[in-house]
Amino acid sequence: MKKTKIISICLQKGGVGKSTTAQTLAAYIGNEREKVLLIDLDAQQNVTFSSGVEPKEKTASDILGGQCNPNEAIVSLSHYDILPADRYLSNVESTEVPSDLLKNGISSCIGQYDFILIDTPPALGNLMKNALVASNFVIIPIEASAYSLQGVDEFLHTFESIRDAENKELKVLGILLVKYHDRTIINRNLKENIISYANEMGINVFDTFIRESVAIRESQVLQKDLLDYSPRSKPAIDYKKLSKEILRRF
């Protein structure tokens, strides 16, 4: 039986590349002959759309509601399988629900996949808490901006609360710098600040950082993975390197 690694891509800020990171890592890790399940846990359904998936009758919200098993909702793609989202996931945020719904709902997937990657919404709500309870590891994507560490600090309070009370095995796999411009002095200075902060907190920063390119937006509009759409683009090269960095850790 496979030892499944469950990794959530988390931060309560929008526009930091969570969906791009989740989808592109799923493609590149899957391309390394690892069996990968990508879970879209965001009612905005960005990963579902950009993967070109037409959801089956059942989706992630049905898994959370205990109305089906994962095999009834999972869609198989060329590099990974995906558990698609729908807009009804927003109901979970506005209702008092247990934080182990996802963990229980995907329990039958444990041992069937090498990696399960979870794309989370930009809010410290029920869906993110469910993702954290179900996960072994977290990747925190942030931009090299003046306000980025404020968001990380707030997220870590939620992370520590979940870890201490409900998931003692939960660890931060690393902070990932996205939309990075290494030619600008301010970005290099901010990167140093982020690394210094991470060191103080005992958190790893990935050696790989993700450069920005129009290829990301183009691939999403065309509903293709970067791996297939533009494998020679800067972010595709970076995500390939990141996937290998992650695999080396395991």
Protein backbone atom coordinates (compact mmCIF):
# COMPACT_ATOMS: atom_id res chain seq x y z
CA MET A 1 0.00 0.00 0.00
CA LYS A 2 1.25 3.51 -0.86
CA LYS A 3 2.18 5.92 1.91
CA THR A 4 0.08 8.90 0.95
CA LYS A 5 1.45 12.40 1.56
CA ILE A 6 -1.35 14.98 1.90
CA ILE A 7 -0.29 18.57 1.25
CA SER A 8 -2.51 21.64 1.49
CA ILE A 9 -1.63 24.84 -0.36
CA CYS A 10 -2.73 27.49 2.12
CA LEU A 11 -2.85 31.20 2.83
CA GLN A 12 -5.89 33.33 3.58
CA LYS A 13 -4.96 35.87 0.88
CA GLY A 14 -6.18 35.77 -2.69
CA GLY A 15 -3.92 36.18 -5.70
CA VAL A 16 -0.88 34.44 -4.24
CA GLY A 17 -0.87 31.55 -6.68
CA LYS A 18 -2.46 28.82 -4.55
CA SER A 19 -4.48 27.36 -7.40
CA THR A 20 -1.64 27.67 -9.90
CA THR A 21 0.74 26.01 -7.45
CA ALA A 22 -1.66 23.17 -6.63
CA GLN A 23 -2.48 22.39 -10.26
CA THR A 24 1.03 22.75 -11.65
CA LEU A 25 2.62 20.71 -8.87
CA ALA A 26 -0.02 18.01 -9.41
CA ALA A 27 0.92 17.88 -13.10
CA TYR A 28 4.68 17.78 -12.58
CA ILE A 29 4.63 15.35 -9.64
CA GLY A 30 2.23 13.16 -11.59
CA ASN A 31 4.59 13.33 -14.56
CA GLU A 32 7.27 11.78 -12.33
CA ARG A 33 5.22 8.55 -12.23
CA GLU A 34 3.70 9.42 -8.88
CA LYS A 35 -0.06 8.92 -8.52
CA VAL A 36 -1.60 12.26 -7.57
CA LEU A 37 -5.06 13.40 -6.50
CA LEU A 38 -5.78 17.13 -6.69
CA ILE A 39 -8.68 18.34 -4.51
CA ASP A 40 -10.37 21.64 -5.33
CA LEU A 41 -11.75 22.87 -2.02
CA ASP A 42 -12.52 26.41 -3.19
CA ALA A 43 -16.05 27.44 -4.22
CA GLN A 44 -14.50 29.68 -6.90
CA GLN A 45 -13.59 26.43 -8.69
CA ASN A 46 -10.43 27.86 -10.27
CA VAL A 47 -8.53 24.57 -10.37
CA THR A 48 -11.58 22.72 -11.65
CA PHE A 49 -11.98 25.22 -14.50
CA SER A 50 -8.30 25.50 -15.44
CA SER A 51 -8.02 21.70 -15.49
CA GLY A 52 -10.76 21.65 -18.13
CA VAL A 53 -12.98 19.46 -15.98
CA GLU A 54 -16.70 19.09 -16.30
CA PRO A 55 -17.64 17.82 -12.83
CA LYS A 56 -19.61 14.62 -12.49
CA GLU A 57 -22.89 14.78 -10.65
CA LYS A 58 -20.92 14.48 -7.41
CA THR A 59 -18.25 16.93 -6.24
CA ALA A 60 -16.14 17.85 -3.19
CA SER A 61 -19.20 19.28 -1.44
CA ASP A 62 -20.88 15.86 -1.67
CA ILE A 63 -17.78 14.26 -0.12
CA LEU A 64 -17.95 16.73 2.77
CA GLY A 65 -21.63 16.00 3.18
CA GLY A 66 -21.02 12.25 3.27
CA GLN A 67 -23.32 11.80 0.28
CA CYS A 68 -20.92 9.80 -1.87
CA ASN A 69 -17.53 8.12 -1.89
CA PRO A 70 -14.56 9.71 -3.72
CA ASN A 71 -14.70 7.31 -6.67
CA GLU A 72 -18.11 8.71 -7.61
CA ALA A 73 -16.70 12.25 -7.91
CA ILE A 74 -13.04 11.90 -8.98
CA VAL A 75 -12.19 12.69 -12.60
CA SER A 76 -9.03 11.19 -14.16
CA LEU A 77 -6.80 13.46 -16.27
CA SER A 78 -3.53 12.82 -18.08
CA HIS A 79 -1.17 13.72 -15.20
CA TYR A 80 -3.41 13.55 -12.12
CA ASP A 81 -6.88 12.81 -10.83
CA ILE A 82 -9.04 15.65 -9.58
CA LEU A 83 -11.86 15.94 -7.08
CA PRO A 84 -13.71 18.96 -8.53
CA ALA A 85 -15.37 21.79 -6.66
CA ASP A 86 -18.74 23.43 -7.04
CA ARG A 87 -20.27 26.67 -5.80
CA TYR A 88 -22.08 24.88 -2.96
CA LEU A 89 -18.80 24.63 -1.06
CA SER A 90 -19.51 28.20 0.06
CA ASN A 91 -22.32 26.80 2.21
CA VAL A 92 -19.72 25.01 4.33
CA GLU A 93 -18.18 28.36 5.28
CA SER A 94 -21.48 29.74 6.51
CA THR A 95 -22.51 26.68 8.54
CA GLU A 96 -21.16 25.20 11.75
CA VAL A 97 -19.58 21.93 10.61
CA PRO A 98 -16.99 19.50 12.03
CA SER A 99 -13.41 20.07 10.92
CA ASP A 100 -12.81 16.41 10.06
CA LEU A 101 -15.36 16.08 7.25
CA LEU A 102 -12.72 16.05 4.52
CA LYS A 103 -10.41 13.72 6.44
CA ASN A 104 -13.23 11.20 6.84
CA GLY A 105 -14.52 11.72 3.32
CA ILE A 106 -11.22 10.93 1.58
CA SER A 107 -10.12 8.15 3.95
CA SER A 108 -10.60 5.55 1.21
CA CYS A 109 -8.05 7.41 -0.94
CA ILE A 110 -5.27 6.86 1.59
CA GLY A 111 -2.93 4.24 0.17
CA GLN A 112 -4.35 4.67 -3.32
CA TYR A 113 -2.30 7.80 -4.11
CA ASP A 114 1.29 8.85 -3.52
CA PHE A 115 0.28 12.50 -3.09
CA ILE A 116 -2.96 14.33 -2.39
CA LEU A 117 -2.73 18.09 -3.02
CA ILE A 118 -5.48 20.37 -1.70
CA ASP A 119 -6.22 23.83 -3.11
CA THR A 120 -7.82 25.93 -0.37
CA PRO A 121 -9.95 29.10 -0.43
CA PRO A 122 -8.60 32.54 0.57
CA ALA A 123 -10.19 32.52 4.02
CA LEU A 124 -9.44 31.14 7.48
CA GLY A 125 -12.78 29.36 7.56
CA ASN A 126 -14.24 25.86 7.76
CA LEU A 127 -12.86 24.68 4.42
CA MET A 128 -9.28 25.61 5.24
CA LYS A 129 -9.62 24.05 8.69
CA ASN A 130 -10.90 20.85 7.09
CA ALA A 131 -7.91 20.87 4.75
CA LEU A 132 -5.47 21.33 7.63
CA VAL A 133 -7.04 18.55 9.70
CA ALA A 134 -6.81 16.19 6.71
CA SER A 135 -3.21 17.09 5.78
CA ASN A 136 0.28 16.01 6.77
CA PHE A 137 1.99 19.09 5.35
CA VAL A 138 1.33 22.68 4.27
CA ILE A 139 2.92 24.78 1.53
CA ILE A 140 2.52 28.54 2.07
CA PRO A 141 2.81 30.54 -1.19
CA ILE A 142 3.54 34.24 -0.76
CA GLU A 143 4.61 37.16 -2.89
CA ALA A 144 7.72 39.15 -2.03
CA SER A 145 5.70 42.15 -0.89
CA ALA A 146 5.73 44.47 2.10
CA TYR A 147 2.49 42.98 3.48
CA SER A 148 3.14 39.31 2.78
CA LEU A 149 4.44 38.40 6.23
CA GLN A 150 1.35 39.85 7.91
CA GLY A 151 -0.74 37.23 6.16
CA VAL A 152 1.70 34.44 7.05
CA ASP A 153 1.72 35.44 10.72
CA GLU A 154 -2.09 35.34 10.87
CA PHE A 155 -2.22 32.00 9.06
CA LEU A 156 0.32 30.44 11.41
CA HIS A 157 -1.94 31.17 14.39
CA THR A 158 -4.67 29.07 12.74
CA PHE A 159 -2.12 26.43 11.72
CA GLU A 160 -0.80 26.11 15.28
CA SER A 161 -4.31 25.95 16.72
CA ILE A 162 -5.26 23.07 14.40
CA ARG A 163 -1.95 21.30 14.99
CA ASP A 164 -2.16 21.54 18.77
CA ALA A 165 -5.81 20.54 19.06
CA GLU A 166 -6.61 18.24 16.15
CA ASN A 167 -3.60 17.22 14.02
CA LYS A 168 -0.35 16.91 15.93
CA GLU A 169 1.44 15.48 12.86
CA LEU A 170 0.85 18.64 10.78
CA LYS A 171 4.01 20.36 9.54
CA VAL A 172 4.89 23.29 7.29
CA LEU A 173 6.72 21.84 4.31
CA GLY A 174 7.90 25.29 3.29
CA ILE A 175 7.21 28.87 2.26
CA LEU A 176 7.13 29.30 -1.51
CA LEU A 177 7.98 32.64 -3.12
CA VAL A 178 5.75 33.28 -6.15
CA LYS A 179 5.55 36.02 -8.78
CA TYR A 180 9.19 36.71 -8.00
CA HIS A 181 11.40 39.17 -9.93
CA ASP A 182 15.00 38.48 -8.98
CA ARG A 183 16.31 41.44 -10.97
CA THR A 184 14.72 44.06 -8.73
CA ILE A 185 16.54 45.20 -5.61
CA ILE A 186 13.31 45.53 -3.60
CA ASN A 187 12.31 41.92 -4.36
CA ARG A 188 15.73 40.64 -3.34
CA ASN A 189 15.56 42.63 -0.10
CA LEU A 190 12.06 41.38 0.65
CA LYS A 191 13.17 37.83 -0.06
CA GLU A 192 15.92 38.21 2.54
CA ASN A 193 13.36 39.53 5.04
CA ILE A 194 11.09 36.55 4.40
CA ILE A 195 13.96 34.07 4.82
CA SER A 196 15.00 35.80 8.06
CA TYR A 197 11.42 35.63 9.38
CA ALA A 198 11.13 31.97 8.40
CA ASN A 199 14.38 31.14 10.16
CA GLU A 200 13.11 32.80 13.34
CA MET A 201 9.92 30.75 13.13
CA GLY A 202 11.79 27.53 12.35
CA ILE A 203 10.14 27.27 8.93
CA ASN A 204 11.82 26.24 5.70
CA VAL A 205 11.80 28.43 2.58
CA PHE A 206 11.98 26.48 -0.66
CA ASP A 207 15.18 26.93 -2.65
CA THR A 208 13.01 27.21 -5.74
CA PHE A 209 11.05 30.42 -6.34
CA ILE A 210 8.42 30.94 -9.02
CA ARG A 211 8.87 33.64 -11.62
CA GLU A 212 5.90 35.37 -13.21
CA SER A 213 4.87 34.99 -16.84
CA VAL A 214 1.83 35.56 -19.02
CA ALA A 215 2.01 31.82 -19.80
CA ILE A 216 0.25 31.12 -16.49
CA ARG A 217 -2.83 33.17 -17.37
CA GLU A 218 -2.85 31.86 -20.94
CA SER A 219 -2.75 28.23 -19.82
CA GLN A 220 -5.61 28.82 -17.37
CA VAL A 221 -7.80 30.45 -20.02
CA LEU A 222 -7.09 27.58 -22.40
CA GLN A 223 -7.70 25.07 -19.57
CA LYS A 224 -4.31 23.38 -19.90
CA ASP A 225 -1.54 22.53 -17.47
CA LEU A 226 1.65 24.59 -17.80
CA LEU A 227 3.44 21.29 -18.35
CA ASP A 228 1.47 20.76 -21.56
CA TYR A 229 0.89 24.37 -22.64
CA SER A 230 4.26 26.04 -22.14
CA PRO A 231 6.88 23.71 -20.61
CA ARG A 232 9.73 26.09 -21.51
CA SER A 233 8.19 29.15 -19.84
CA LYS A 234 9.91 30.49 -16.72
CA PRO A 235 7.20 29.43 -14.23
CA ALA A 236 6.95 25.97 -15.79
CA ILE A 237 10.71 25.49 -15.41
CA ASP A 238 10.44 26.70 -11.82
CA TYR A 239 7.53 24.43 -10.91
CA LYS A 240 9.32 21.45 -12.42
CA LYS A 241 12.32 22.27 -10.23
CA LEU A 242 10.04 22.70 -7.21
CA SER A 243 8.39 19.31 -7.78
CA LYS A 244 11.81 17.65 -7.78
CA GLU A 245 12.77 19.56 -4.62
CA ILE A 246 9.61 18.28 -2.91
CA LEU A 247 10.14 14.70 -4.09
CA ARG A 248 13.69 14.72 -2.77
CA ARG A 249 12.37 15.54 0.71
CA PHE A 250 10.29 12.37 0.72
